[in-house]
C-alpha cells in the first residue's frame, strides 16, 4: 500500500478553488510582511515553507491549510484571528457595491 503524496496548496480531495478568499488572504499576508520590512524569502524561511510556495500564497494561487495559516501568523508575530480579520476586511473591499 502506497502512502499518498501531499502537495502544497490544496488539501487532498479539494476539487474547487475559490480565488476571492485566496487573494484576500494573500493580500493580508503580504501587507503584514511588507509593513514589517521583511523580504519574502526571509519570511518564508521563518514560517518554515518554501519561498515559491509563499509567493503562490501571497498571489492567491494557493489556499493554505489551517496548520500553514498558523505558521504564517506565528512568523508574522500576530494571531491567526488578526490575520483572518485582515482577510475579511480585504474581502469587504472587493467588488461589492452594496453601500
N, C-alpha and C. Protein backbone atom coordinates (compact mmCIF):
# COMPACT_ATOMS: atom_id res chain seq x y z
N UNK A 1 0.85 -1.19 0.00
CA UNK A 1 0.00 0.00 0.00
C UNK A 1 0.89 1.24 0.00
N UNK A 2 0.70 2.08 -1.00
CA UNK A 2 1.49 3.30 -1.13
C UNK A 2 0.86 4.43 -0.35
N UNK A 3 1.72 5.18 0.31
CA UNK A 3 1.26 6.36 1.02
C UNK A 3 0.99 7.45 0.00
N UNK A 4 -0.19 8.12 0.07
CA UNK A 4 -0.48 9.19 -0.90
C UNK A 4 0.46 10.37 -0.68
N UNK A 5 0.86 10.98 -1.78
CA UNK A 5 1.71 12.16 -1.66
C UNK A 5 0.83 13.37 -1.39
N UNK A 6 1.37 14.28 -0.62
CA UNK A 6 0.64 15.51 -0.29
C UNK A 6 1.35 16.66 -0.99
N UNK A 7 0.60 17.42 -1.76
CA UNK A 7 1.16 18.56 -2.45
C UNK A 7 0.78 19.83 -1.73
N UNK A 8 1.71 20.79 -1.68
CA UNK A 8 1.38 22.06 -1.04
C UNK A 8 0.24 22.75 -1.79
N UNK A 9 -0.53 23.52 -1.08
CA UNK A 9 -1.56 24.33 -1.72
C UNK A 9 -2.95 23.94 -1.33
N UNK A 10 -3.41 22.80 -1.79
CA UNK A 10 -4.78 22.39 -1.51
C UNK A 10 -4.80 21.08 -0.74
N UNK A 11 -5.72 20.96 0.20
CA UNK A 11 -5.86 19.69 0.90
C UNK A 11 -6.30 18.60 -0.08
N UNK A 12 -5.92 17.36 0.22
CA UNK A 12 -6.32 16.23 -0.61
C UNK A 12 -7.83 16.20 -0.73
N UNK A 13 -8.32 15.94 -1.91
CA UNK A 13 -9.76 15.84 -2.14
C UNK A 13 -10.43 17.15 -2.49
N UNK A 14 -9.72 18.25 -2.41
CA UNK A 14 -10.31 19.53 -2.75
C UNK A 14 -10.45 19.63 -4.26
N UNK A 15 -11.67 19.81 -4.71
CA UNK A 15 -11.88 19.86 -6.15
C UNK A 15 -12.26 21.25 -6.64
N UNK A 16 -12.46 22.16 -5.71
CA UNK A 16 -12.82 23.52 -6.11
C UNK A 16 -11.77 24.51 -5.63
N UNK A 17 -11.75 25.64 -6.25
CA UNK A 17 -10.82 26.69 -5.88
C UNK A 17 -11.57 28.01 -5.91
N UNK A 18 -11.60 28.68 -4.79
CA UNK A 18 -12.26 29.98 -4.72
C UNK A 18 -11.18 31.06 -4.66
N UNK A 19 -11.06 31.79 -5.74
CA UNK A 19 -9.96 32.75 -5.84
C UNK A 19 -10.12 33.97 -4.93
N UNK A 20 -11.32 34.42 -4.70
CA UNK A 20 -11.51 35.66 -3.92
C UNK A 20 -10.95 35.54 -2.50
N UNK A 21 -11.31 34.50 -1.73
CA UNK A 21 -10.72 34.39 -0.39
C UNK A 21 -9.21 34.15 -0.43
N UNK A 22 -8.75 33.41 -1.41
CA UNK A 22 -7.30 33.16 -1.53
C UNK A 22 -6.56 34.47 -1.79
N UNK A 23 -7.10 35.30 -2.67
CA UNK A 23 -6.48 36.59 -2.95
C UNK A 23 -6.51 37.50 -1.73
N UNK A 24 -7.63 37.52 -1.01
CA UNK A 24 -7.76 38.36 0.18
C UNK A 24 -6.78 37.94 1.26
N UNK A 25 -6.60 36.63 1.44
CA UNK A 25 -5.65 36.13 2.42
C UNK A 25 -4.23 36.51 2.00
N UNK A 26 -3.91 36.31 0.75
CA UNK A 26 -2.58 36.64 0.25
C UNK A 26 -2.26 38.11 0.42
N UNK A 27 -3.24 38.97 0.17
CA UNK A 27 -3.04 40.41 0.35
C UNK A 27 -2.78 40.74 1.81
N UNK A 28 -3.49 40.06 2.72
CA UNK A 28 -3.31 40.30 4.15
C UNK A 28 -1.91 39.89 4.59
N UNK A 29 -1.46 38.75 4.10
CA UNK A 29 -0.12 38.27 4.46
C UNK A 29 0.94 39.22 3.92
N UNK A 30 0.82 39.55 2.65
CA UNK A 30 1.81 40.44 2.03
C UNK A 30 1.86 41.80 2.72
N UNK A 31 0.70 42.37 3.03
CA UNK A 31 0.66 43.68 3.68
C UNK A 31 1.35 43.64 5.04
N UNK A 32 1.08 42.59 5.82
CA UNK A 32 1.70 42.47 7.14
C UNK A 32 3.21 42.27 7.01
N UNK A 33 3.62 41.46 6.05
CA UNK A 33 5.05 41.20 5.85
C UNK A 33 5.77 42.48 5.42
N UNK A 34 5.22 43.19 4.46
CA UNK A 34 5.83 44.41 3.95
C UNK A 34 5.87 45.49 5.04
N UNK A 35 4.80 45.57 5.84
CA UNK A 35 4.77 46.54 6.93
C UNK A 35 5.90 46.30 7.93
N UNK A 36 6.32 45.06 8.05
CA UNK A 36 7.42 44.71 8.96
C UNK A 36 8.78 44.83 8.28
N UNK A 37 8.77 45.11 6.98
CA UNK A 37 10.02 45.28 6.24
C UNK A 37 10.80 43.99 6.05
N UNK A 38 10.08 42.89 5.92
CA UNK A 38 10.73 41.58 5.79
C UNK A 38 10.62 41.10 4.34
N UNK A 39 11.74 40.64 3.79
CA UNK A 39 11.74 40.10 2.43
C UNK A 39 10.98 38.77 2.40
N UNK A 40 10.41 38.46 1.26
CA UNK A 40 9.61 37.25 1.13
C UNK A 40 10.41 35.98 1.43
N UNK A 41 11.65 35.90 0.95
CA UNK A 41 12.42 34.69 1.19
C UNK A 41 12.76 34.52 2.66
N UNK A 42 13.07 35.61 3.34
CA UNK A 42 13.35 35.54 4.77
C UNK A 42 12.09 35.14 5.54
N UNK A 43 10.97 35.73 5.15
CA UNK A 43 9.71 35.42 5.81
C UNK A 43 9.33 33.96 5.62
N UNK A 44 9.47 33.46 4.40
CA UNK A 44 9.15 32.05 4.13
C UNK A 44 10.00 31.14 5.00
N UNK A 45 11.26 31.49 5.15
CA UNK A 45 12.16 30.71 5.99
C UNK A 45 11.68 30.72 7.45
N UNK A 46 11.27 31.88 7.93
CA UNK A 46 10.74 31.99 9.30
C UNK A 46 9.50 31.11 9.49
N UNK A 47 8.66 31.06 8.45
CA UNK A 47 7.43 30.28 8.52
C UNK A 47 7.67 28.79 8.28
N UNK A 48 8.85 28.45 7.78
CA UNK A 48 9.17 27.05 7.54
C UNK A 48 8.58 26.49 6.27
N UNK A 49 8.40 27.35 5.27
CA UNK A 49 7.89 26.89 3.98
C UNK A 49 8.77 27.45 2.87
N UNK A 50 8.64 26.91 1.68
CA UNK A 50 9.48 27.37 0.58
C UNK A 50 9.06 28.76 0.11
N UNK A 51 10.03 29.51 -0.42
CA UNK A 51 9.75 30.85 -0.91
C UNK A 51 8.75 30.81 -2.06
N UNK A 52 8.87 29.81 -2.93
CA UNK A 52 7.94 29.75 -4.07
C UNK A 52 6.52 29.48 -3.60
N UNK A 53 6.36 28.65 -2.58
CA UNK A 53 5.02 28.39 -2.05
C UNK A 53 4.46 29.65 -1.39
N UNK A 54 5.32 30.38 -0.67
CA UNK A 54 4.87 31.62 -0.05
C UNK A 54 4.43 32.61 -1.13
N UNK A 55 5.16 32.67 -2.22
CA UNK A 55 4.78 33.55 -3.32
C UNK A 55 3.41 33.18 -3.88
N UNK A 56 3.16 31.90 -4.01
CA UNK A 56 1.85 31.45 -4.52
C UNK A 56 0.74 31.80 -3.55
N UNK A 57 1.01 31.70 -2.26
CA UNK A 57 0.01 32.08 -1.25
C UNK A 57 -0.26 33.58 -1.34
N UNK A 58 0.80 34.38 -1.40
CA UNK A 58 0.62 35.83 -1.45
C UNK A 58 -0.08 36.28 -2.73
N UNK A 59 0.10 35.56 -3.82
CA UNK A 59 -0.58 35.90 -5.08
C UNK A 59 -1.98 35.32 -5.16
N UNK A 60 -2.38 34.54 -4.16
CA UNK A 60 -3.72 33.95 -4.14
C UNK A 60 -3.84 32.73 -5.03
N UNK A 61 -2.72 32.12 -5.38
CA UNK A 61 -2.74 30.94 -6.24
C UNK A 61 -2.92 29.65 -5.44
N UNK A 62 -2.62 29.68 -4.15
CA UNK A 62 -2.79 28.53 -3.28
C UNK A 62 -3.62 28.92 -2.07
N UNK A 63 -4.46 28.00 -1.63
CA UNK A 63 -5.24 28.19 -0.43
C UNK A 63 -4.54 27.42 0.69
N UNK A 64 -4.00 28.11 1.69
CA UNK A 64 -3.26 27.41 2.72
C UNK A 64 -4.18 26.62 3.67
N UNK A 65 -3.63 25.56 4.22
CA UNK A 65 -4.33 24.77 5.22
C UNK A 65 -4.26 25.48 6.57
N UNK A 66 -5.06 25.03 7.52
CA UNK A 66 -5.05 25.64 8.84
C UNK A 66 -3.67 25.59 9.50
N UNK A 67 -2.97 24.45 9.48
CA UNK A 67 -1.64 24.46 10.08
C UNK A 67 -0.70 25.48 9.44
N UNK A 68 -0.81 25.68 8.14
CA UNK A 68 0.03 26.65 7.46
C UNK A 68 -0.37 28.08 7.82
N UNK A 69 -1.65 28.33 7.97
CA UNK A 69 -2.12 29.66 8.41
C UNK A 69 -1.55 29.97 9.78
N UNK A 70 -1.54 28.98 10.66
CA UNK A 70 -0.99 29.19 12.00
C UNK A 70 0.51 29.47 11.95
N UNK A 71 1.24 28.77 11.08
CA UNK A 71 2.68 29.01 10.92
C UNK A 71 2.93 30.43 10.40
N UNK A 72 2.13 30.84 9.43
CA UNK A 72 2.29 32.18 8.84
C UNK A 72 2.02 33.25 9.89
N UNK A 73 0.94 33.09 10.66
CA UNK A 73 0.61 34.07 11.70
C UNK A 73 1.73 34.15 12.73
N UNK A 74 2.26 33.00 13.14
CA UNK A 74 3.36 32.98 14.11
C UNK A 74 4.58 33.70 13.56
N UNK A 75 4.90 33.44 12.29
CA UNK A 75 6.06 34.09 11.66
C UNK A 75 5.85 35.60 11.56
N UNK A 76 4.61 36.03 11.44
CA UNK A 76 4.30 37.46 11.39
C UNK A 76 4.27 38.09 12.78
N UNK A 77 4.18 37.24 13.81
CA UNK A 77 4.09 37.76 15.17
C UNK A 77 2.71 38.28 15.52
N UNK A 78 1.70 37.76 14.81
CA UNK A 78 0.32 38.15 15.09
C UNK A 78 -0.51 36.88 15.29
N UNK A 79 -1.73 37.05 15.77
CA UNK A 79 -2.59 35.88 15.95
C UNK A 79 -3.25 35.52 14.62
N UNK A 80 -3.64 34.28 14.51
CA UNK A 80 -4.37 33.84 13.32
C UNK A 80 -5.68 34.62 13.20
N UNK A 81 -6.26 34.99 14.33
CA UNK A 81 -7.50 35.78 14.31
C UNK A 81 -7.27 37.14 13.67
N UNK A 82 -6.13 37.77 13.98
CA UNK A 82 -5.81 39.06 13.36
C UNK A 82 -5.62 38.91 11.85
N UNK A 83 -4.98 37.83 11.46
CA UNK A 83 -4.75 37.56 10.04
C UNK A 83 -6.08 37.32 9.32
N UNK A 84 -6.97 36.59 9.96
CA UNK A 84 -8.29 36.33 9.35
C UNK A 84 -9.13 37.61 9.31
N UNK A 85 -8.98 38.44 10.32
CA UNK A 85 -9.70 39.72 10.33
C UNK A 85 -9.26 40.59 9.16
N UNK A 86 -7.95 40.63 8.93
CA UNK A 86 -7.42 41.40 7.79
C UNK A 86 -7.93 40.80 6.48
N UNK A 87 -8.01 39.49 6.42
CA UNK A 87 -8.54 38.82 5.22
C UNK A 87 -9.99 39.22 4.99
N UNK A 88 -10.77 39.21 6.06
CA UNK A 88 -12.19 39.60 5.94
C UNK A 88 -12.34 41.05 5.49
N UNK A 89 -11.47 41.92 6.00
CA UNK A 89 -11.51 43.32 5.55
C UNK A 89 -11.21 43.41 4.05
N UNK A 90 -10.24 42.62 3.60
CA UNK A 90 -9.91 42.61 2.17
C UNK A 90 -11.08 42.10 1.34
N UNK A 91 -11.79 41.14 1.85
CA UNK A 91 -12.97 40.63 1.13
C UNK A 91 -14.05 41.70 1.07
N UNK A 92 -14.18 42.48 2.13
CA UNK A 92 -15.20 43.53 2.19
C UNK A 92 -14.91 44.68 1.24
N UNK A 93 -13.63 44.84 0.85
CA UNK A 93 -13.28 45.94 -0.04
C UNK A 93 -13.21 45.49 -1.49
N UNK A 94 -13.71 44.29 -1.75
CA UNK A 94 -13.68 43.74 -3.11
C UNK A 94 -14.65 44.46 -4.03
N UNK A 95 -15.27 43.73 -4.91
CA UNK A 95 -16.13 44.33 -5.94
C UNK A 95 -17.54 44.57 -5.46
N UNK A 96 -17.80 44.40 -4.18
CA UNK A 96 -19.14 44.63 -3.66
C UNK A 96 -19.43 46.13 -3.63
N UNK A 97 -20.61 46.50 -4.14
CA UNK A 97 -21.00 47.92 -4.15
C UNK A 97 -22.37 48.08 -3.52
N UNK A 98 -22.61 47.37 -2.41
CA UNK A 98 -23.92 47.39 -1.76
C UNK A 98 -24.09 48.56 -0.79
N UNK A 99 -23.17 49.52 -0.73
CA UNK A 99 -23.26 50.59 0.26
C UNK A 99 -24.40 51.51 -0.01
